[in-house]
Amino acid sequence: MANSLGIDLAGKIVVVKAQFCPPGTRLRDWLFLCENGFGLMPFTSGQAVLGKWLASGKGDRIEGSMIERLATDAEKAEFEKKEEVKPDQADRK
């Protein structure tokens, strides 16, 4: 199995297992957007999952076995609110 959930992870936000996250970090720091790699699909033999950490926006590679679960709607909503740009702010860019 390419990822620990056994599902297609393309475009999904997942929570990385706590054992793979640095001590002192919060759950929001463990959210990862899956974008590419063999580990996205449940039927491939590779485990590489490429994407980015939502908290920092930094691109990275994780292994499919490092994934604990899909992020909840509440966890995802926290970042969707953060990314919203008000119309008056967009005009200033």
N, C-alpha and C. Protein backbone atom coordinates (compact mmCIF):
# COMPACT_ATOMS: atom_id res chain seq x y z
N MET A 1 0.84 -1.18 0.00
CA MET A 1 0.00 0.00 0.00
C MET A 1 0.89 1.25 0.00
N ALA A 2 0.54 2.20 -0.84
CA ALA A 2 1.35 3.40 -1.00
C ALA A 2 1.17 4.41 0.13
N ASN A 3 -0.01 4.45 0.74
CA ASN A 3 -0.21 5.34 1.88
C ASN A 3 -1.01 4.60 2.94
N SER A 4 -0.91 5.04 4.16
CA SER A 4 -1.51 4.32 5.27
C SER A 4 -3.04 4.38 5.29
N LEU A 5 -3.64 5.26 4.48
CA LEU A 5 -5.10 5.36 4.44
C LEU A 5 -5.71 4.47 3.36
N GLY A 6 -4.92 4.08 2.36
CA GLY A 6 -5.41 3.23 1.30
C GLY A 6 -6.42 3.90 0.37
N ILE A 7 -6.33 5.24 0.24
CA ILE A 7 -7.23 5.99 -0.64
C ILE A 7 -6.41 6.94 -1.51
N ASP A 8 -7.06 7.52 -2.53
CA ASP A 8 -6.42 8.52 -3.39
C ASP A 8 -6.31 9.82 -2.59
N LEU A 9 -5.10 10.33 -2.41
CA LEU A 9 -4.87 11.52 -1.59
C LEU A 9 -4.63 12.79 -2.40
N ALA A 10 -4.75 12.73 -3.72
CA ALA A 10 -4.48 13.91 -4.56
C ALA A 10 -5.37 15.08 -4.14
N GLY A 11 -4.73 16.20 -3.79
CA GLY A 11 -5.45 17.42 -3.40
C GLY A 11 -6.03 17.39 -2.00
N LYS A 12 -5.77 16.35 -1.25
CA LYS A 12 -6.33 16.22 0.09
C LYS A 12 -5.37 16.78 1.14
N ILE A 13 -5.94 17.26 2.23
CA ILE A 13 -5.16 17.74 3.36
C ILE A 13 -5.17 16.63 4.40
N VAL A 14 -3.97 16.25 4.84
CA VAL A 14 -3.84 15.16 5.80
C VAL A 14 -3.13 15.63 7.06
N VAL A 15 -3.26 14.83 8.11
CA VAL A 15 -2.56 15.07 9.37
C VAL A 15 -1.43 14.04 9.45
N VAL A 16 -0.22 14.51 9.64
CA VAL A 16 0.95 13.64 9.77
C VAL A 16 0.99 13.10 11.20
N LYS A 17 1.39 11.85 11.33
CA LYS A 17 1.48 11.21 12.65
C LYS A 17 2.40 12.02 13.58
N ALA A 18 2.00 12.15 14.82
CA ALA A 18 2.74 12.95 15.80
C ALA A 18 4.19 12.50 15.96
N GLN A 19 4.46 11.22 15.82
CA GLN A 19 5.82 10.72 16.00
C GLN A 19 6.80 11.26 14.96
N PHE A 20 6.29 11.82 13.87
CA PHE A 20 7.14 12.37 12.82
C PHE A 20 7.24 13.89 12.87
N CYS A 21 6.58 14.51 13.83
CA CYS A 21 6.58 15.97 13.94
C CYS A 21 7.49 16.41 15.08
N PRO A 22 8.15 17.55 14.90
CA PRO A 22 9.06 18.03 15.94
C PRO A 22 8.34 18.29 17.26
N PRO A 23 9.00 18.02 18.39
CA PRO A 23 8.40 18.30 19.70
C PRO A 23 8.08 19.79 19.83
N GLY A 24 7.01 20.07 20.52
CA GLY A 24 6.63 21.46 20.75
C GLY A 24 5.80 22.08 19.64
N THR A 25 5.50 21.31 18.58
CA THR A 25 4.65 21.84 17.51
C THR A 25 3.19 21.53 17.82
N ARG A 26 2.31 22.26 17.16
CA ARG A 26 0.88 22.10 17.37
C ARG A 26 0.26 21.30 16.23
N LEU A 27 -0.95 20.84 16.42
CA LEU A 27 -1.65 20.07 15.39
C LEU A 27 -1.69 20.84 14.07
N ARG A 28 -1.90 22.12 14.11
CA ARG A 28 -1.98 22.90 12.87
C ARG A 28 -0.66 22.85 12.08
N ASP A 29 0.43 22.58 12.76
CA ASP A 29 1.72 22.46 12.09
C ASP A 29 1.89 21.10 11.41
N TRP A 30 0.98 20.17 11.67
CA TRP A 30 1.08 18.81 11.13
C TRP A 30 0.21 18.61 9.90
N LEU A 31 -0.46 19.66 9.43
CA LEU A 31 -1.35 19.54 8.27
C LEU A 31 -0.54 19.69 6.99
N PHE A 32 -0.75 18.75 6.07
CA PHE A 32 0.04 18.66 4.84
C PHE A 32 -0.89 18.51 3.65
N LEU A 33 -0.70 19.35 2.63
CA LEU A 33 -1.48 19.26 1.39
C LEU A 33 -0.77 18.33 0.43
N CYS A 34 -1.40 17.24 0.07
CA CYS A 34 -0.82 16.23 -0.84
C CYS A 34 -1.04 16.67 -2.29
N GLU A 35 0.05 16.80 -3.04
CA GLU A 35 -0.06 17.31 -4.40
C GLU A 35 0.43 16.33 -5.48
N ASN A 36 1.42 15.51 -5.19
CA ASN A 36 2.03 14.68 -6.23
C ASN A 36 2.75 13.50 -5.58
N GLY A 37 3.21 12.59 -6.41
CA GLY A 37 4.02 11.47 -5.94
C GLY A 37 3.30 10.14 -6.00
N PHE A 38 4.07 9.06 -5.98
CA PHE A 38 3.51 7.71 -6.05
C PHE A 38 2.68 7.36 -4.83
N GLY A 39 2.95 7.98 -3.70
CA GLY A 39 2.22 7.68 -2.47
C GLY A 39 0.80 8.20 -2.42
N LEU A 40 0.41 8.98 -3.44
CA LEU A 40 -0.96 9.49 -3.46
C LEU A 40 -1.97 8.40 -3.74
N MET A 41 -1.61 7.47 -4.58
CA MET A 41 -2.54 6.43 -5.03
C MET A 41 -2.38 5.16 -4.20
N PRO A 42 -3.48 4.52 -3.85
CA PRO A 42 -3.40 3.32 -3.01
C PRO A 42 -2.85 2.09 -3.72
N PHE A 43 -2.81 2.10 -5.05
CA PHE A 43 -2.42 0.91 -5.80
C PHE A 43 -0.98 0.93 -6.30
N THR A 44 -0.20 1.93 -5.94
CA THR A 44 1.19 2.01 -6.39
C THR A 44 2.13 1.45 -5.32
N SER A 45 3.34 1.14 -5.75
CA SER A 45 4.29 0.58 -4.79
C SER A 45 5.13 1.65 -4.11
N GLY A 46 5.22 2.86 -4.67
CA GLY A 46 6.01 3.93 -4.06
C GLY A 46 5.25 4.58 -2.93
N GLN A 47 5.98 5.24 -2.02
CA GLN A 47 5.35 5.90 -0.88
C GLN A 47 5.55 7.41 -0.86
N ALA A 48 6.33 7.96 -1.77
CA ALA A 48 6.62 9.39 -1.74
C ALA A 48 5.36 10.22 -1.97
N VAL A 49 5.12 11.17 -1.08
CA VAL A 49 4.01 12.12 -1.22
C VAL A 49 4.64 13.51 -1.21
N LEU A 50 4.47 14.23 -2.29
CA LEU A 50 5.00 15.59 -2.40
C LEU A 50 3.87 16.58 -2.18
N GLY A 51 4.20 17.68 -1.52
CA GLY A 51 3.18 18.68 -1.24
C GLY A 51 3.76 19.81 -0.42
N LYS A 52 2.91 20.41 0.42
CA LYS A 52 3.40 21.52 1.25
C LYS A 52 2.71 21.50 2.61
N TRP A 53 3.46 22.01 3.58
CA TRP A 53 2.93 22.20 4.93
C TRP A 53 2.04 23.42 4.91
N LEU A 54 0.81 23.31 5.41
CA LEU A 54 -0.11 24.44 5.37
C LEU A 54 0.34 25.59 6.25
N ALA A 55 0.91 25.29 7.39
CA ALA A 55 1.30 26.35 8.33
C ALA A 55 2.40 27.25 7.76
N SER A 56 3.35 26.66 7.04
CA SER A 56 4.48 27.44 6.55
C SER A 56 4.46 27.67 5.04
N GLY A 57 3.72 26.84 4.32
CA GLY A 57 3.71 26.92 2.87
C GLY A 57 4.94 26.28 2.22
N LYS A 58 5.80 25.71 3.03
CA LYS A 58 7.04 25.11 2.54
C LYS A 58 6.76 23.78 1.85
N GLY A 59 7.30 23.62 0.64
CA GLY A 59 7.20 22.36 -0.07
C GLY A 59 8.05 21.30 0.59
N ASP A 60 7.57 20.04 0.53
CA ASP A 60 8.30 18.97 1.21
C ASP A 60 7.87 17.63 0.64
N ARG A 61 8.55 16.60 1.09
CA ARG A 61 8.23 15.22 0.75
C ARG A 61 8.04 14.44 2.04
N ILE A 62 6.95 13.70 2.11
CA ILE A 62 6.74 12.80 3.23
C ILE A 62 6.48 11.40 2.66
N GLU A 63 6.47 10.41 3.51
CA GLU A 63 6.15 9.05 3.10
C GLU A 63 4.67 8.79 3.39
N GLY A 64 4.05 7.99 2.56
CA GLY A 64 2.64 7.66 2.76
C GLY A 64 2.35 7.03 4.11
N SER A 65 3.31 6.30 4.64
CA SER A 65 3.14 5.66 5.95
C SER A 65 3.17 6.66 7.11
N MET A 66 3.56 7.90 6.84
CA MET A 66 3.62 8.93 7.88
C MET A 66 2.26 9.60 8.11
N ILE A 67 1.28 9.25 7.29
CA ILE A 67 -0.02 9.92 7.35
C ILE A 67 -0.94 9.23 8.35
N GLU A 68 -1.49 10.03 9.26
CA GLU A 68 -2.39 9.50 10.29
C GLU A 68 -3.84 9.42 9.80
N ARG A 69 -4.33 10.55 9.22
CA ARG A 69 -5.74 10.63 8.83
C ARG A 69 -5.95 11.85 7.95
N LEU A 70 -7.14 11.94 7.38
CA LEU A 70 -7.52 13.15 6.65
C LEU A 70 -7.82 14.25 7.66
N ALA A 71 -7.54 15.48 7.29
CA ALA A 71 -7.86 16.62 8.16
C ALA A 71 -9.38 16.78 8.21
N THR A 72 -9.89 17.23 9.34
CA THR A 72 -11.32 17.48 9.49
C THR A 72 -11.70 18.78 8.80
N ASP A 73 -12.99 18.99 8.57
CA ASP A 73 -13.45 20.24 7.97
C ASP A 73 -13.07 21.44 8.84
N ALA A 74 -13.14 21.28 10.15
CA ALA A 74 -12.78 22.38 11.06
C ALA A 74 -11.30 22.73 10.94
N GLU A 75 -10.45 21.72 10.83
CA GLU A 75 -9.01 21.96 10.69
C GLU A 75 -8.70 22.66 9.37
N LYS A 76 -9.36 22.24 8.31
CA LYS A 76 -9.15 22.86 6.99
C LYS A 76 -9.68 24.29 6.96
N ALA A 77 -10.81 24.53 7.62
CA ALA A 77 -11.44 25.86 7.61
C ALA A 77 -10.54 26.92 8.22
N GLU A 78 -9.73 26.53 9.20
CA GLU A 78 -8.81 27.48 9.83
C GLU A 78 -7.88 28.11 8.79
N PHE A 79 -7.42 27.31 7.83
CA PHE A 79 -6.51 27.82 6.82
C PHE A 79 -7.24 28.52 5.68
N GLU A 80 -8.45 28.09 5.37
CA GLU A 80 -9.23 28.75 4.33
C GLU A 80 -9.54 30.19 4.73
N LYS A 81 -9.86 30.43 6.00
CA LYS A 81 -10.11 31.78 6.49
C LYS A 81 -8.85 32.63 6.38
N LYS A 82 -7.72 32.04 6.71
CA LYS A 82 -6.44 32.75 6.69
C LYS A 82 -6.08 33.21 5.28
N GLU A 83 -6.45 32.42 4.27
CA GLU A 83 -6.07 32.73 2.89
C GLU A 83 -7.02 33.71 2.21
N GLU A 84 -8.18 33.97 2.82
CA GLU A 84 -9.13 34.91 2.21
C GLU A 84 -8.52 36.31 2.21
N VAL A 85 -8.67 37.01 1.10
CA VAL A 85 -8.17 38.38 0.99
C VAL A 85 -9.36 39.30 0.79
N LYS A 86 -9.44 40.32 1.61
CA LYS A 86 -10.53 41.28 1.50
C LYS A 86 -10.34 42.12 0.23
N PRO A 87 -11.43 42.51 -0.43
CA PRO A 87 -11.32 43.27 -1.69
C PRO A 87 -10.45 44.52 -1.59
N ASP A 88 -10.54 45.26 -0.47
CA ASP A 88 -9.73 46.47 -0.35
C ASP A 88 -8.25 46.14 -0.21
N GLN A 89 -7.90 44.97 0.33
CA GLN A 89 -6.50 44.56 0.43
C GLN A 89 -5.97 44.14 -0.93
N ALA A 90 -6.80 43.50 -1.74
CA ALA A 90 -6.38 43.04 -3.06
C ALA A 90 -6.04 44.22 -3.96
N ASP A 91 -6.76 45.33 -3.81
CA ASP A 91 -6.51 46.51 -4.64
C ASP A 91 -5.17 47.15 -4.33
N ARG A 92 -4.64 46.97 -3.16
CA ARG A 92 -3.38 47.60 -2.75
C ARG A 92 -2.16 46.85 -3.24
N LYS A 93 -2.32 45.63 -3.73
CA LYS A 93 -1.19 44.83 -4.17
C LYS A 93 -0.66 45.24 -5.51
